Amino acid sequence: MKTKHARTLAAIYTKPTPGGIVFSDIESLVVALGGEIHEGTKARGRASPSR
């Protein structure tokens, strides 16, 4: 895992969760961990684990 992904993961689990986490960083973290991003309607997205 790259350092940037590790920082994003740590930021997600801090209490309280910071509001400055960029969604594209979360998307790249999910993809780096083997997941997939599916874009939906009305600016919704879904992340799913790879099979």
PDB file of N, CA and C in Angstrom:
ATOM      1  N   MET A   1       0.847  -1.173   0.000  1.00  0.00           N
ATOM      2  CA  MET A   1       0.000   0.000   0.000  1.00  0.00           C
ATOM      3  C   MET A   1       0.892   1.236   0.000  1.00  0.00           C
ATOM      4  N   LYS A   2       0.567   2.161  -0.857  1.00  0.00           N
ATOM      5  CA  LYS A   2       1.333   3.398  -0.918  1.00  0.00           C
ATOM      6  C   LYS A   2       1.088   4.239   0.318  1.00  0.00           C
ATOM      7  N   THR A   3       2.013   5.124   0.601  1.00  0.00           N
ATOM      8  CA  THR A   3       1.927   5.986   1.779  1.00  0.00           C
ATOM      9  C   THR A   3       0.662   6.840   1.753  1.00  0.00           C
ATOM     10  N   LYS A   4       0.304   7.356   0.577  1.00  0.00           N
ATOM     11  CA  LYS A   4      -0.893   8.190   0.472  1.00  0.00           C
ATOM     12  C   LYS A   4      -2.144   7.394   0.828  1.00  0.00           C
ATOM     13  N   HIS A   5      -2.213   6.129   0.387  1.00  0.00           N
ATOM     14  CA  HIS A   5      -3.365   5.294   0.709  1.00  0.00           C
ATOM     15  C   HIS A   5      -3.418   4.995   2.203  1.00  0.00           C
ATOM     16  N   ALA A   6      -2.266   4.777   2.804  1.00  0.00           N
ATOM     17  CA  ALA A   6      -2.215   4.517   4.251  1.00  0.00           C
ATOM     18  C   ALA A   6      -2.692   5.737   5.036  1.00  0.00           C
ATOM     19  N   ARG A   7      -2.315   6.926   4.593  1.00  0.00           N
ATOM     20  CA  ARG A   7      -2.765   8.153   5.267  1.00  0.00           C
ATOM     21  C   ARG A   7      -4.276   8.342   5.122  1.00  0.00           C
ATOM     22  N   THR A   8      -4.796   8.043   3.932  1.00  0.00           N
ATOM     23  CA  THR A   8      -6.236   8.168   3.709  1.00  0.00           C
ATOM     24  C   THR A   8      -6.989   7.193   4.600  1.00  0.00           C
ATOM     25  N   LEU A   9      -6.518   5.963   4.686  1.00  0.00           N
ATOM     26  CA  LEU A   9      -7.165   4.955   5.528  1.00  0.00           C
ATOM     27  C   LEU A   9      -7.124   5.360   6.996  1.00  0.00           C
ATOM     28  N   ALA A  10      -6.004   5.878   7.449  1.00  0.00           N
ATOM     29  CA  ALA A  10      -5.890   6.339   8.834  1.00  0.00           C
ATOM     30  C   ALA A  10      -6.827   7.511   9.093  1.00  0.00           C
ATOM     31  N   ALA A  11      -6.961   8.412   8.128  1.00  0.00           N
ATOM     32  CA  ALA A  11      -7.837   9.573   8.292  1.00  0.00           C
ATOM     33  C   ALA A  11      -9.303   9.152   8.372  1.00  0.00           C
ATOM     34  N   ILE A  12      -9.682   8.126   7.627  1.00  0.00           N
ATOM     35  CA  ILE A  12     -11.065   7.649   7.646  1.00  0.00           C
ATOM     36  C   ILE A  12     -11.440   7.151   9.034  1.00  0.00           C
ATOM     37  N   TYR A  13     -10.493   6.502   9.722  1.00  0.00           N
ATOM     38  CA  TYR A  13     -10.793   5.894  11.015  1.00  0.00           C
ATOM     39  C   TYR A  13     -10.475   6.768  12.220  1.00  0.00           C
ATOM     40  N   THR A  14     -10.050   8.011  12.001  1.00  0.00           N
ATOM     41  CA  THR A  14      -9.845   8.900  13.143  1.00  0.00           C
ATOM     42  C   THR A  14     -11.195   9.406  13.640  1.00  0.00           C
ATOM     43  N   LYS A  15     -11.266   9.693  14.911  1.00  0.00           N
ATOM     44  CA  LYS A  15     -12.502  10.210  15.515  1.00  0.00           C
ATOM     45  C   LYS A  15     -12.253  11.608  16.008  1.00  0.00           C
ATOM     46  N   PRO A  16     -12.995  12.595  15.616  1.00  0.00           N
ATOM     47  CA  PRO A  16     -14.002  12.580  14.568  1.00  0.00           C
ATOM     48  C   PRO A  16     -13.349  12.542  13.191  1.00  0.00           C
ATOM     49  N   THR A  17     -14.056  11.975  12.246  1.00  0.00           N
ATOM     50  CA  THR A  17     -13.552  11.874  10.881  1.00  0.00           C
ATOM     51  C   THR A  17     -13.403  13.274  10.298  1.00  0.00           C
ATOM     52  N   PRO A  18     -12.213  13.608   9.774  1.00  0.00           N
ATOM     53  CA  PRO A  18     -12.021  14.953   9.216  1.00  0.00           C
ATOM     54  C   PRO A  18     -12.873  15.181   7.961  1.00  0.00           C
ATOM     55  N   GLY A  19     -13.322  16.385   7.801  1.00  0.00           N
ATOM     56  CA  GLY A  19     -14.156  16.720   6.652  1.00  0.00           C
ATOM     57  C   GLY A  19     -13.365  17.025   5.395  1.00  0.00           C
ATOM     58  N   GLY A  20     -12.051  17.043   5.486  1.00  0.00           N
ATOM     59  CA  GLY A  20     -11.234  17.411   4.340  1.00  0.00           C
ATOM     60  C   GLY A  20     -10.720  16.241   3.519  1.00  0.00           C
ATOM     61  N   ILE A  21     -11.280  15.045   3.721  1.00  0.00           N
ATOM     62  CA  ILE A  21     -10.841  13.892   2.930  1.00  0.00           C
ATOM     63  C   ILE A  21     -11.438  14.025   1.532  1.00  0.00           C
ATOM     64  N   VAL A  22     -10.593  13.980   0.530  1.00  0.00           N
ATOM     65  CA  VAL A  22     -11.030  14.126  -0.860  1.00  0.00           C
ATOM     66  C   VAL A  22     -11.573  12.783  -1.342  1.00  0.00           C
ATOM     67  N   PHE A  23     -12.748  12.801  -1.973  1.00  0.00           N
ATOM     68  CA  PHE A  23     -13.385  11.550  -2.377  1.00  0.00           C
ATOM     69  C   PHE A  23     -12.546  10.786  -3.392  1.00  0.00           C
ATOM     70  N   SER A  24     -11.819  11.482  -4.248  1.00  0.00           N
ATOM     71  CA  SER A  24     -10.979  10.781  -5.224  1.00  0.00           C
ATOM     72  C   SER A  24      -9.872   9.985  -4.534  1.00  0.00           C
ATOM     73  N   ASP A  25      -9.422  10.454  -3.357  1.00  0.00           N
ATOM     74  CA  ASP A  25      -8.442   9.685  -2.582  1.00  0.00           C
ATOM     75  C   ASP A  25      -9.060   8.395  -2.055  1.00  0.00           C
ATOM     76  N   ILE A  26     -10.319   8.456  -1.645  1.00  0.00           N
ATOM     77  CA  ILE A  26     -11.010   7.257  -1.171  1.00  0.00           C
ATOM     78  C   ILE A  26     -11.220   6.279  -2.320  1.00  0.00           C
ATOM     79  N   GLU A  27     -11.585   6.807  -3.490  1.00  0.00           N
ATOM     80  CA  GLU A  27     -11.761   5.942  -4.660  1.00  0.00           C
ATOM     81  C   GLU A  27     -10.466   5.233  -5.026  1.00  0.00           C
ATOM     82  N   SER A  28      -9.351   5.956  -5.030  1.00  0.00           N
ATOM     83  CA  SER A  28      -8.078   5.329  -5.388  1.00  0.00           C
ATOM     84  C   SER A  28      -7.648   4.314  -4.339  1.00  0.00           C
ATOM     85  N   LEU A  29      -7.996   4.542  -3.072  1.00  0.00           N
ATOM     86  CA  LEU A  29      -7.712   3.575  -2.016  1.00  0.00           C
ATOM     87  C   LEU A  29      -8.492   2.288  -2.249  1.00  0.00           C
ATOM     88  N   VAL A  30      -9.778   2.404  -2.575  1.00  0.00           N
ATOM     89  CA  VAL A  30     -10.607   1.226  -2.831  1.00  0.00           C
ATOM     90  C   VAL A  30     -10.051   0.423  -4.005  1.00  0.00           C
ATOM     91  N   VAL A  31      -9.670   1.102  -5.063  1.00  0.00           N
ATOM     92  CA  VAL A  31      -9.114   0.425  -6.235  1.00  0.00           C
ATOM     93  C   VAL A  31      -7.775  -0.234  -5.894  1.00  0.00           C
ATOM     94  N   ALA A  32      -6.948   0.436  -5.109  1.00  0.00           N
ATOM     95  CA  ALA A  32      -5.657  -0.126  -4.719  1.00  0.00           C
ATOM     96  C   ALA A  32      -5.820  -1.375  -3.860  1.00  0.00           C
ATOM     97  N   LEU A  33      -6.918  -1.441  -3.114  1.00  0.00           N
ATOM     98  CA  LEU A  33      -7.180  -2.606  -2.277  1.00  0.00           C
ATOM     99  C   LEU A  33      -7.898  -3.718  -3.036  1.00  0.00           C
ATOM    100  N   GLY A  34      -8.109  -3.516  -4.334  1.00  0.00           N
ATOM    101  CA  GLY A  34      -8.701  -4.556  -5.171  1.00  0.00           C
ATOM    102  C   GLY A  34     -10.192  -4.415  -5.397  1.00  0.00           C
ATOM    103  N   GLY A  35     -10.771  -3.304  -4.994  1.00  0.00           N
ATOM    104  CA  GLY A  35     -12.200  -3.095  -5.181  1.00  0.00           C
ATOM    105  C   GLY A  35     -12.505  -2.423  -6.508  1.00  0.00           C
ATOM    106  N   GLU A  36     -13.785  -2.264  -6.773  1.00  0.00           N
ATOM    107  CA  GLU A  36     -14.238  -1.615  -7.999  1.00  0.00           C
ATOM    108  C   GLU A  36     -15.157  -0.456  -7.643  1.00  0.00           C
ATOM    109  N   ILE A  37     -15.135   0.579  -8.461  1.00  0.00           N
ATOM    110  CA  ILE A  37     -16.001   1.739  -8.294  1.00  0.00           C
ATOM    111  C   ILE A  37     -17.017   1.730  -9.435  1.00  0.00           C
ATOM    112  N   HIS A  38     -18.295   1.821  -9.082  1.00  0.00           N
ATOM    113  CA  HIS A  38     -19.361   1.877 -10.077  1.00  0.00           C
ATOM    114  C   HIS A  38     -20.086   3.196  -9.896  1.00  0.00           C
ATOM    115  N   GLU A  39     -20.160   3.979 -10.948  1.00  0.00           N
ATOM    116  CA  GLU A  39     -20.840   5.263 -10.862  1.00  0.00           C
ATOM    117  C   GLU A  39     -22.323   5.066 -11.108  1.00  0.00           C
ATOM    118  N   GLY A  40     -23.123   5.716 -10.287  1.00  0.00           N
ATOM    119  CA  GLY A  40     -24.570   5.618 -10.404  1.00  0.00           C
ATOM    120  C   GLY A  40     -25.173   6.927 -10.858  1.00  0.00           C
ATOM    121  N   THR A  41     -26.475   7.039 -10.677  1.00  0.00           N
ATOM    122  CA  THR A  41     -27.176   8.255 -11.068  1.00  0.00           C
ATOM    123  C   THR A  41     -27.153   9.269  -9.930  1.00  0.00           C
ATOM    124  N   LYS A  42     -27.388  10.504 -10.265  1.00  0.00           N
ATOM    125  CA  LYS A  42     -27.466  11.606  -9.297  1.00  0.00           C
ATOM    126  C   LYS A  42     -26.229  11.686  -8.416  1.00  0.00           C
ATOM    127  N   ALA A  43     -25.066  11.569  -9.030  1.00  0.00           N
ATOM    128  CA  ALA A  43     -23.777  11.724  -8.353  1.00  0.00           C
ATOM    129  C   ALA A  43     -23.559  10.688  -7.250  1.00  0.00           C
ATOM    130  N   ARG A  44     -24.167   9.541  -7.379  1.00  0.00           N
ATOM    131  CA  ARG A  44     -23.946   8.471  -6.410  1.00  0.00           C
ATOM    132  C   ARG A  44     -22.930   7.488  -6.958  1.00  0.00           C
ATOM    133  N   GLY A  45     -22.224   6.892  -6.082  1.00  0.00           N
ATOM    134  CA  GLY A  45     -21.245   5.890  -6.476  1.00  0.00           C
ATOM    135  C   GLY A  45     -21.359   4.696  -5.563  1.00  0.00           C
ATOM    136  N   ARG A  46     -20.834   3.576  -6.012  1.00  0.00           N
ATOM    137  CA  ARG A  46     -20.868   2.371  -5.213  1.00  0.00           C
ATOM    138  C   ARG A  46     -19.520   1.694  -5.328  1.00  0.00           C
ATOM    139  N   ALA A  47     -19.005   1.262  -4.209  1.00  0.00           N
ATOM    140  CA  ALA A  47     -17.746   0.530  -4.182  1.00  0.00           C
ATOM    141  C   ALA A  47     -18.070  -0.904  -3.822  1.00  0.00           C
ATOM    142  N   SER A  48     -17.438  -1.832  -4.516  1.00  0.00           N
ATOM    143  CA  SER A  48     -17.657  -3.237  -4.223  1.00  0.00           C
ATOM    144  C   SER A  48     -16.331  -3.969  -4.258  1.00  0.00           C
ATOM    145  N   PRO A  49     -16.214  -5.009  -3.444  1.00  0.00           N
ATOM    146  CA  PRO A  49     -14.967  -5.780  -3.455  1.00  0.00           C
ATOM    147  C   PRO A  49     -14.868  -6.570  -4.756  1.00  0.00           C
ATOM    148  N   SER A  50     -13.665  -6.817  -5.194  1.00  0.00           N
ATOM    149  CA  SER A  50     -13.491  -7.624  -6.392  1.00  0.00           C
ATOM    150  C   SER A  50     -13.724  -9.077  -6.021  1.00  0.00           C
ATOM    151  N   ARG A  51     -14.104  -9.833  -6.983  1.00  0.00           N
ATOM    152  CA  ARG A  51     -14.402 -11.255  -6.715  1.00  0.00           C
ATOM    153  C   ARG A  51     -13.353 -12.144  -7.268  1.00  0.00           C
TER     154      ARG A  51
END
